[in-house]
């Protein structure tokens, strides 16, 4: 009996770390990209802005980056005029319909920042800096 109990305890202890990895939520391509670029201090993220032919939205609507990271955003507006506005960080980029624009944003402070489109107040996103 003691032998079986020892086997169960040893097996459970060895498998504990692996089971945590397998039960956690899968990492999205966006967060994987942000995590990989956090190690180098820079990254690139494409943000699509849609509306007019459907719901006004940012895609992705939520992004996570590291403090100190500089991100090159490729902004893609495809059917209306939009803004990529992060008021707390003094970022306000305007895009004409079907325009693509690249901007660089350095995230120096941790926090959660609201992303908004000035012409479409229902169009919101969130940027988390950790």
Foldseek 3Di string as FASTA:
>chain_A
DVVVVVVVVVVCVVCVVVVVVVPDDDDDPQAVQQVVQLVVQEGEEEWEFDDPVDHTEIVVQEHEHEASHKYKYWYFAAAAKWWFDFPVQPGTGIDGHGDIDIDIDHHHDFDKTKTATVVDRVYIGIYGYD
